Amino acid sequence: MRTYDFAPFARSAIGFDRLFDLLNAGTRETVEGYPPYDIIRTGEDSFRIALAVAGFRASDITVTTQQNLLTVAGRKAEAKNGAAYIYHGISAAPFERRFNLADYVEIDSARFENGLLQIDLTRRIPEAMKPRRIEISSAEVADRGRPAKAA
């Protein structure tokens, strides 16, 4: 894959370092495909990530979030049952999946059922960041509230 040089843009775009890093990171990542996952929009500002992690238990998987990065990692505990596999098709390989999250996206919950790890996310924009309507006052209304000037 190719890495792009965003230096000319970075010189005049203050505070966009993370954006340029995200664009380059998308081209560097290898496409492993394991474990397979779906990203589902469940509402206007809510999403679900579903990872197929057959063969793992909930205790084998860790879900962590730091800043705008969600990391899901799995490491299967050593099997001590002494089973002699004739064919071992269910993967037990350790994995790590990273998801870049947009600003104000928070993890609501994570649950494990029927071989699927489901992580629910919601975008919660702070009130101060939401658009709000500003009332425009006319000069006549503004002048009525002021005391008369002394001559």
N, C-alpha and C. Protein backbone atom coordinates (compact mmCIF):
# COMPACT_ATOMS: atom_id res chain seq x y z
N MET A 1 0.84 -1.18 0.00
CA MET A 1 0.00 0.00 0.00
C MET A 1 0.88 1.24 0.00
N ARG A 2 0.27 2.31 -0.34
CA ARG A 2 1.01 3.56 -0.45
C ARG A 2 0.72 4.48 0.74
N THR A 3 1.75 5.17 1.19
CA THR A 3 1.61 6.17 2.24
C THR A 3 1.69 7.54 1.58
N TYR A 4 0.77 8.41 1.91
CA TYR A 4 0.72 9.73 1.31
C TYR A 4 1.42 10.75 2.20
N ASP A 5 2.02 11.73 1.59
CA ASP A 5 2.70 12.79 2.32
C ASP A 5 1.74 13.97 2.44
N PHE A 6 1.23 14.19 3.63
CA PHE A 6 0.30 15.29 3.87
C PHE A 6 1.01 16.52 4.43
N ALA A 7 2.34 16.55 4.36
CA ALA A 7 3.11 17.66 4.93
C ALA A 7 2.68 19.01 4.37
N PRO A 8 2.45 19.15 3.06
CA PRO A 8 2.04 20.47 2.57
C PRO A 8 0.71 20.94 3.20
N PHE A 9 -0.20 20.01 3.44
CA PHE A 9 -1.47 20.39 4.06
C PHE A 9 -1.30 20.64 5.54
N ALA A 10 -0.44 19.86 6.18
CA ALA A 10 -0.26 19.95 7.62
C ALA A 10 0.34 21.29 8.03
N ARG A 11 1.10 21.90 7.13
CA ARG A 11 1.71 23.20 7.45
C ARG A 11 0.67 24.28 7.69
N SER A 12 -0.46 24.20 6.98
CA SER A 12 -1.46 25.25 7.11
C SER A 12 -2.72 24.78 7.81
N ALA A 13 -2.76 23.56 8.26
CA ALA A 13 -3.95 23.00 8.93
C ALA A 13 -3.59 22.69 10.37
N ILE A 14 -3.77 23.66 11.23
CA ILE A 14 -3.42 23.51 12.64
C ILE A 14 -4.43 22.59 13.33
N GLY A 15 -3.94 21.60 14.05
CA GLY A 15 -4.81 20.74 14.83
C GLY A 15 -5.40 19.56 14.07
N PHE A 16 -5.02 19.36 12.84
CA PHE A 16 -5.57 18.26 12.05
C PHE A 16 -4.61 17.08 11.96
N ASP A 17 -3.61 17.04 12.85
CA ASP A 17 -2.62 15.97 12.82
C ASP A 17 -3.28 14.61 12.87
N ARG A 18 -4.25 14.47 13.74
CA ARG A 18 -4.93 13.18 13.92
C ARG A 18 -5.61 12.74 12.64
N LEU A 19 -6.20 13.67 11.91
CA LEU A 19 -6.88 13.34 10.66
C LEU A 19 -5.89 12.76 9.65
N PHE A 20 -4.73 13.40 9.52
CA PHE A 20 -3.73 12.91 8.57
C PHE A 20 -3.19 11.55 9.01
N ASP A 21 -3.02 11.36 10.31
CA ASP A 21 -2.58 10.05 10.82
C ASP A 21 -3.60 8.96 10.51
N LEU A 22 -4.89 9.29 10.66
CA LEU A 22 -5.95 8.32 10.36
C LEU A 22 -5.95 7.94 8.89
N LEU A 23 -5.77 8.92 8.02
CA LEU A 23 -5.75 8.63 6.59
C LEU A 23 -4.58 7.72 6.23
N ASN A 24 -3.42 7.97 6.79
CA ASN A 24 -2.27 7.10 6.53
C ASN A 24 -2.42 5.75 7.18
N ALA A 25 -3.01 5.68 8.38
CA ALA A 25 -3.18 4.40 9.07
C ALA A 25 -4.10 3.49 8.28
N GLY A 26 -5.08 4.03 7.62
CA GLY A 26 -6.00 3.22 6.83
C GLY A 26 -5.32 2.51 5.68
N THR A 27 -4.27 3.11 5.16
CA THR A 27 -3.56 2.47 4.05
C THR A 27 -2.49 1.49 4.54
N ARG A 28 -2.04 1.63 5.80
CA ARG A 28 -0.99 0.75 6.32
C ARG A 28 -1.52 -0.57 6.85
N GLU A 29 -2.76 -0.59 7.28
CA GLU A 29 -3.27 -1.80 7.92
C GLU A 29 -3.39 -2.93 6.91
N THR A 30 -3.06 -4.11 7.35
CA THR A 30 -3.21 -5.27 6.50
C THR A 30 -4.64 -5.78 6.64
N VAL A 31 -5.13 -6.37 5.59
CA VAL A 31 -6.49 -6.90 5.61
C VAL A 31 -6.41 -8.36 6.00
N GLU A 32 -6.59 -8.62 7.27
CA GLU A 32 -6.50 -9.98 7.75
C GLU A 32 -7.81 -10.73 7.57
N GLY A 33 -8.89 -10.10 7.98
CA GLY A 33 -10.17 -10.74 7.87
C GLY A 33 -10.54 -11.59 9.06
N TYR A 34 -9.72 -11.61 10.10
CA TYR A 34 -10.03 -12.41 11.28
C TYR A 34 -9.94 -11.56 12.52
N PRO A 35 -10.90 -11.58 13.34
CA PRO A 35 -12.20 -12.22 13.14
C PRO A 35 -13.08 -11.34 12.27
N PRO A 36 -13.98 -11.95 11.51
CA PRO A 36 -14.89 -11.15 10.69
C PRO A 36 -15.82 -10.34 11.58
N TYR A 37 -16.25 -9.19 11.06
CA TYR A 37 -17.11 -8.32 11.86
C TYR A 37 -18.09 -7.57 10.98
N ASP A 38 -19.14 -7.09 11.58
CA ASP A 38 -20.13 -6.23 10.94
C ASP A 38 -20.22 -4.94 11.74
N ILE A 39 -20.48 -3.84 11.07
CA ILE A 39 -20.80 -2.59 11.74
C ILE A 39 -22.20 -2.22 11.29
N ILE A 40 -23.10 -2.07 12.24
CA ILE A 40 -24.52 -1.88 11.96
C ILE A 40 -24.96 -0.55 12.55
N ARG A 41 -25.69 0.24 11.78
CA ARG A 41 -26.30 1.46 12.31
C ARG A 41 -27.64 1.06 12.91
N THR A 42 -27.78 1.28 14.21
CA THR A 42 -29.00 0.88 14.91
C THR A 42 -29.92 2.06 15.20
N GLY A 43 -29.46 3.26 14.92
CA GLY A 43 -30.24 4.48 15.12
C GLY A 43 -29.49 5.64 14.49
N GLU A 44 -30.05 6.84 14.64
CA GLU A 44 -29.41 8.01 14.04
C GLU A 44 -28.00 8.22 14.59
N ASP A 45 -27.83 8.04 15.89
CA ASP A 45 -26.53 8.24 16.53
C ASP A 45 -26.07 7.01 17.29
N SER A 46 -26.51 5.82 16.89
CA SER A 46 -26.09 4.61 17.59
C SER A 46 -25.67 3.53 16.59
N PHE A 47 -24.69 2.75 17.02
CA PHE A 47 -24.08 1.75 16.16
C PHE A 47 -23.82 0.48 16.96
N ARG A 48 -23.60 -0.62 16.25
CA ARG A 48 -23.23 -1.88 16.89
C ARG A 48 -22.13 -2.52 16.05
N ILE A 49 -21.11 -2.98 16.73
CA ILE A 49 -20.06 -3.77 16.09
C ILE A 49 -20.27 -5.20 16.55
N ALA A 50 -20.39 -6.12 15.61
CA ALA A 50 -20.57 -7.54 15.92
C ALA A 50 -19.38 -8.30 15.36
N LEU A 51 -18.63 -8.95 16.25
CA LEU A 51 -17.47 -9.74 15.84
C LEU A 51 -17.77 -11.22 16.03
N ALA A 52 -17.47 -12.02 15.02
CA ALA A 52 -17.66 -13.46 15.11
C ALA A 52 -16.42 -14.08 15.75
N VAL A 53 -16.56 -14.48 17.01
CA VAL A 53 -15.42 -15.01 17.76
C VAL A 53 -15.72 -16.41 18.27
N ALA A 54 -16.13 -17.28 17.36
CA ALA A 54 -16.45 -18.66 17.73
C ALA A 54 -15.21 -19.32 18.32
N GLY A 55 -15.41 -20.11 19.35
CA GLY A 55 -14.32 -20.83 19.99
C GLY A 55 -13.70 -20.08 21.16
N PHE A 56 -14.04 -18.81 21.31
CA PHE A 56 -13.54 -18.01 22.44
C PHE A 56 -14.63 -17.89 23.49
N ARG A 57 -14.20 -17.73 24.73
CA ARG A 57 -15.13 -17.44 25.82
C ARG A 57 -15.05 -15.95 26.11
N ALA A 58 -16.02 -15.44 26.83
CA ALA A 58 -16.01 -14.02 27.18
C ALA A 58 -14.76 -13.67 27.98
N SER A 59 -14.28 -14.59 28.79
CA SER A 59 -13.09 -14.32 29.60
C SER A 59 -11.80 -14.29 28.76
N ASP A 60 -11.85 -14.77 27.52
CA ASP A 60 -10.69 -14.76 26.64
C ASP A 60 -10.54 -13.46 25.86
N ILE A 61 -11.55 -12.58 25.97
CA ILE A 61 -11.60 -11.39 25.13
C ILE A 61 -11.54 -10.14 26.00
N THR A 62 -10.77 -9.15 25.56
CA THR A 62 -10.73 -7.86 26.24
C THR A 62 -11.15 -6.76 25.27
N VAL A 63 -11.95 -5.85 25.78
CA VAL A 63 -12.41 -4.70 25.01
C VAL A 63 -11.93 -3.47 25.76
N THR A 64 -11.11 -2.66 25.10
CA THR A 64 -10.60 -1.45 25.75
C THR A 64 -10.79 -0.26 24.82
N THR A 65 -10.95 0.89 25.44
CA THR A 65 -11.07 2.12 24.66
C THR A 65 -10.14 3.15 25.27
N GLN A 66 -9.46 3.87 24.41
CA GLN A 66 -8.57 4.93 24.86
C GLN A 66 -8.63 6.02 23.80
N GLN A 67 -8.97 7.22 24.24
CA GLN A 67 -9.18 8.36 23.36
C GLN A 67 -10.19 7.96 22.29
N ASN A 68 -9.82 7.95 21.04
CA ASN A 68 -10.77 7.63 19.97
C ASN A 68 -10.45 6.28 19.32
N LEU A 69 -9.95 5.35 20.11
CA LEU A 69 -9.58 4.05 19.58
C LEU A 69 -10.21 2.95 20.42
N LEU A 70 -10.93 2.05 19.75
CA LEU A 70 -11.52 0.88 20.40
C LEU A 70 -10.68 -0.32 19.98
N THR A 71 -10.20 -1.08 20.96
CA THR A 71 -9.38 -2.26 20.67
C THR A 71 -10.06 -3.49 21.24
N VAL A 72 -10.23 -4.50 20.39
CA VAL A 72 -10.79 -5.78 20.82
C VAL A 72 -9.69 -6.81 20.59
N ALA A 73 -9.30 -7.50 21.67
CA ALA A 73 -8.24 -8.49 21.58
C ALA A 73 -8.71 -9.80 22.17
N GLY A 74 -8.27 -10.88 21.58
CA GLY A 74 -8.63 -12.21 22.08
C GLY A 74 -7.41 -13.10 22.17
N ARG A 75 -7.31 -13.78 23.28
CA ARG A 75 -6.22 -14.74 23.48
C ARG A 75 -6.83 -15.93 24.20
N LYS A 76 -6.84 -17.05 23.52
CA LYS A 76 -7.45 -18.25 24.08
C LYS A 76 -6.54 -18.89 25.12
N ALA A 77 -7.14 -19.27 26.23
CA ALA A 77 -6.38 -19.93 27.28
C ALA A 77 -5.94 -21.31 26.78
N GLU A 78 -4.85 -21.78 27.31
CA GLU A 78 -4.34 -23.10 26.93
C GLU A 78 -5.36 -24.19 27.27
N ALA A 79 -5.65 -25.04 26.32
CA ALA A 79 -6.59 -26.14 26.56
C ALA A 79 -5.87 -27.23 27.35
N LYS A 80 -6.48 -27.64 28.45
CA LYS A 80 -5.85 -28.66 29.30
C LYS A 80 -6.64 -29.96 29.30
N ASN A 81 -7.54 -30.09 28.32
CA ASN A 81 -8.36 -31.30 28.31
C ASN A 81 -7.67 -32.46 27.60
N GLY A 82 -6.54 -32.19 26.94
CA GLY A 82 -5.78 -33.27 26.31
C GLY A 82 -6.46 -33.87 25.09
N ALA A 83 -7.36 -33.14 24.46
CA ALA A 83 -8.07 -33.65 23.29
C ALA A 83 -7.10 -33.80 22.12
N ALA A 84 -7.27 -34.89 21.37
CA ALA A 84 -6.46 -35.13 20.18
C ALA A 84 -7.31 -34.79 18.96
N TYR A 85 -7.09 -33.62 18.41
CA TYR A 85 -7.88 -33.17 17.27
C TYR A 85 -7.49 -33.93 16.01
N ILE A 86 -8.48 -34.35 15.27
CA ILE A 86 -8.25 -34.92 13.95
C ILE A 86 -8.21 -33.77 12.94
N TYR A 87 -9.11 -32.81 13.13
CA TYR A 87 -9.13 -31.59 12.31
C TYR A 87 -9.49 -30.43 13.21
N HIS A 88 -8.70 -29.39 13.20
CA HIS A 88 -8.94 -28.22 14.04
C HIS A 88 -9.25 -27.03 13.13
N GLY A 89 -10.52 -26.82 12.82
CA GLY A 89 -10.93 -25.76 11.89
C GLY A 89 -11.36 -24.48 12.56
N ILE A 90 -11.73 -24.54 13.83
CA ILE A 90 -12.14 -23.34 14.56
C ILE A 90 -10.87 -22.67 15.07
N SER A 91 -10.65 -21.47 14.61
CA SER A 91 -9.41 -20.78 14.92
C SER A 91 -9.31 -20.45 16.40
N ALA A 92 -8.12 -20.62 16.91
CA ALA A 92 -7.83 -20.24 18.29
C ALA A 92 -6.68 -19.26 18.32
N ALA A 93 -6.37 -18.70 17.15
CA ALA A 93 -5.26 -17.76 17.05
C ALA A 93 -5.58 -16.47 17.78
N PRO A 94 -4.61 -15.92 18.46
CA PRO A 94 -4.86 -14.62 19.12
C PRO A 94 -5.12 -13.56 18.05
N PHE A 95 -5.92 -12.57 18.40
CA PHE A 95 -6.25 -11.52 17.44
C PHE A 95 -6.33 -10.18 18.16
N GLU A 96 -6.25 -9.15 17.35
CA GLU A 96 -6.45 -7.79 17.85
C GLU A 96 -7.06 -6.97 16.73
N ARG A 97 -8.22 -6.43 16.97
CA ARG A 97 -8.91 -5.57 16.00
C ARG A 97 -8.98 -4.17 16.58
N ARG A 98 -8.69 -3.18 15.76
CA ARG A 98 -8.76 -1.79 16.20
C ARG A 98 -9.78 -1.05 15.36
N PHE A 99 -10.57 -0.24 16.03
CA PHE A 99 -11.58 0.58 15.37
C PHE A 99 -11.36 2.03 15.78
N ASN A 100 -11.21 2.91 14.80
CA ASN A 100 -11.10 4.33 15.09
C ASN A 100 -12.50 4.88 15.29
N LEU A 101 -12.69 5.57 16.39
CA LEU A 101 -14.00 6.12 16.72
C LEU A 101 -14.01 7.62 16.46
N ALA A 102 -15.13 8.12 16.00
CA ALA A 102 -15.29 9.55 15.80
C ALA A 102 -15.36 10.24 17.16
N ASP A 103 -15.20 11.54 17.17
CA ASP A 103 -15.31 12.30 18.41
C ASP A 103 -16.70 12.10 19.00
N TYR A 104 -16.75 12.01 20.31
CA TYR A 104 -17.97 11.90 21.11
C TYR A 104 -18.68 10.55 20.95
N VAL A 105 -18.04 9.54 20.38
CA VAL A 105 -18.62 8.20 20.32
C VAL A 105 -18.18 7.46 21.58
N GLU A 106 -19.16 6.94 22.32
CA GLU A 106 -18.89 6.25 23.57
C GLU A 106 -19.40 4.83 23.50
N ILE A 107 -18.74 3.93 24.26
CA ILE A 107 -19.16 2.54 24.34
C ILE A 107 -20.26 2.44 25.38
N ASP A 108 -21.41 1.92 24.98
CA ASP A 108 -22.52 1.73 25.91
C ASP A 108 -22.41 0.39 26.63
N SER A 109 -22.19 -0.68 25.85
CA SER A 109 -22.14 -2.00 26.45
C SER A 109 -21.44 -2.97 25.50
N ALA A 110 -21.03 -4.09 26.05
CA ALA A 110 -20.47 -5.19 25.27
C ALA A 110 -21.05 -6.47 25.84
N ARG A 111 -21.53 -7.33 24.96
CA ARG A 111 -22.09 -8.60 25.42
C ARG A 111 -21.65 -9.72 24.47
N PHE A 112 -21.57 -10.90 25.04
CA PHE A 112 -21.10 -12.06 24.31
C PHE A 112 -22.20 -13.10 24.33
N GLU A 113 -22.70 -13.47 23.16
CA GLU A 113 -23.70 -14.54 23.11
C GLU A 113 -23.64 -15.26 21.77
N ASN A 114 -23.76 -16.55 21.83
CA ASN A 114 -23.78 -17.41 20.65
C ASN A 114 -22.58 -17.19 19.71
N GLY A 115 -21.40 -17.00 20.28
CA GLY A 115 -20.21 -16.84 19.46
C GLY A 115 -20.02 -15.46 18.86
N LEU A 116 -20.90 -14.52 19.20
CA LEU A 116 -20.78 -13.15 18.70
C LEU A 116 -20.50 -12.20 19.85
N LEU A 117 -19.53 -11.35 19.67
CA LEU A 117 -19.28 -10.26 20.61
C LEU A 117 -19.95 -9.03 20.01
N GLN A 118 -20.89 -8.45 20.74
CA GLN A 118 -21.62 -7.29 20.24
C GLN A 118 -21.31 -6.10 21.12
N ILE A 119 -20.83 -5.04 20.50
CA ILE A 119 -20.45 -3.81 21.20
C ILE A 119 -21.37 -2.70 20.71
N ASP A 120 -22.11 -2.11 21.63
CA ASP A 120 -23.02 -1.01 21.30
C ASP A 120 -22.35 0.32 21.56
N LEU A 121 -22.45 1.23 20.60
CA LEU A 121 -21.83 2.55 20.68
C LEU A 121 -22.88 3.62 20.42
N THR A 122 -22.67 4.78 21.02
CA THR A 122 -23.57 5.92 20.81
C THR A 122 -22.75 7.19 20.69
N ARG A 123 -23.16 8.04 19.75
CA ARG A 123 -22.53 9.35 19.62
C ARG A 123 -23.31 10.32 20.51
N ARG A 124 -22.62 10.89 21.49
CA ARG A 124 -23.23 11.86 22.42
C ARG A 124 -22.51 13.19 22.29
N ILE A 125 -23.09 14.07 21.54
CA ILE A 125 -22.49 15.39 21.34
C ILE A 125 -22.87 16.27 22.52
N PRO A 126 -21.90 16.92 23.17
CA PRO A 126 -22.22 17.80 24.30
C PRO A 126 -23.13 18.94 23.87
N GLU A 127 -23.95 19.40 24.78
CA GLU A 127 -24.90 20.48 24.49
C GLU A 127 -24.19 21.71 23.93
N ALA A 128 -23.02 22.02 24.46
CA ALA A 128 -22.29 23.20 24.00
C ALA A 128 -21.86 23.08 22.54
N MET A 129 -21.76 21.86 22.02
CA MET A 129 -21.33 21.64 20.64
C MET A 129 -22.49 21.56 19.66
N LYS A 130 -23.71 21.40 20.15
CA LYS A 130 -24.87 21.28 19.28
C LYS A 130 -25.24 22.65 18.72
N PRO A 131 -25.79 22.67 17.51
CA PRO A 131 -26.22 23.96 16.96
C PRO A 131 -27.37 24.54 17.78
N ARG A 132 -27.35 25.83 17.94
CA ARG A 132 -28.44 26.48 18.66
C ARG A 132 -28.80 27.75 17.93
N ARG A 133 -30.03 28.14 18.06
CA ARG A 133 -30.52 29.33 17.37
C ARG A 133 -30.27 30.55 18.25
N ILE A 134 -29.75 31.60 17.64
CA ILE A 134 -29.48 32.85 18.32
C ILE A 134 -30.56 33.85 17.91
N GLU A 135 -31.23 34.39 18.88
CA GLU A 135 -32.26 35.40 18.60
C GLU A 135 -31.59 36.70 18.19
N ILE A 136 -32.12 37.32 17.19
CA ILE A 136 -31.59 38.59 16.71
C ILE A 136 -32.50 39.70 17.21
N SER A 137 -31.93 40.64 17.91
CA SER A 137 -32.74 41.75 18.40
C SER A 137 -32.59 42.92 17.44
N SER A 138 -33.64 43.70 17.34
CA SER A 138 -33.57 44.87 16.47
C SER A 138 -33.05 46.05 17.27
N ALA A 139 -32.61 47.09 16.59
CA ALA A 139 -32.07 48.28 17.27
C ALA A 139 -33.13 48.95 18.12
N GLU A 140 -34.40 48.90 17.66
CA GLU A 140 -35.48 49.55 18.40
C GLU A 140 -35.68 48.87 19.75
N VAL A 141 -35.66 47.56 19.78
CA VAL A 141 -35.86 46.82 21.02
C VAL A 141 -34.68 47.06 21.95
N ALA A 142 -33.47 47.11 21.41
CA ALA A 142 -32.28 47.32 22.23
C ALA A 142 -32.28 48.72 22.83
N ASP A 143 -32.77 49.73 22.09
CA ASP A 143 -32.77 51.11 22.58
C ASP A 143 -33.81 51.31 23.67
N ARG A 144 -34.90 50.58 23.66
CA ARG A 144 -35.94 50.74 24.68
C ARG A 144 -35.45 50.41 26.08
N GLY A 145 -34.53 49.49 26.19
CA GLY A 145 -34.06 49.08 27.50
C GLY A 145 -32.98 49.97 28.08
N ARG A 146 -32.44 50.88 27.30
CA ARG A 146 -31.35 51.75 27.76
C ARG A 146 -31.92 53.03 28.38
N PRO A 147 -31.28 53.54 29.41
CA PRO A 147 -31.74 54.83 29.95
C PRO A 147 -31.37 55.97 29.00
N ALA A 148 -32.18 57.03 29.05
CA ALA A 148 -31.94 58.19 28.17
C ALA A 148 -30.64 58.88 28.57
N LYS A 149 -29.92 59.36 27.58
CA LYS A 149 -28.65 60.03 27.82
C LYS A 149 -28.91 61.45 28.30
N ALA A 150 -28.12 61.92 29.23
CA ALA A 150 -28.24 63.30 29.73
C ALA A 150 -27.59 64.23 28.74
N ALA A 151 -28.25 65.36 28.48
CA ALA A 151 -27.73 66.29 27.49
C ALA A 151 -26.83 67.33 28.09
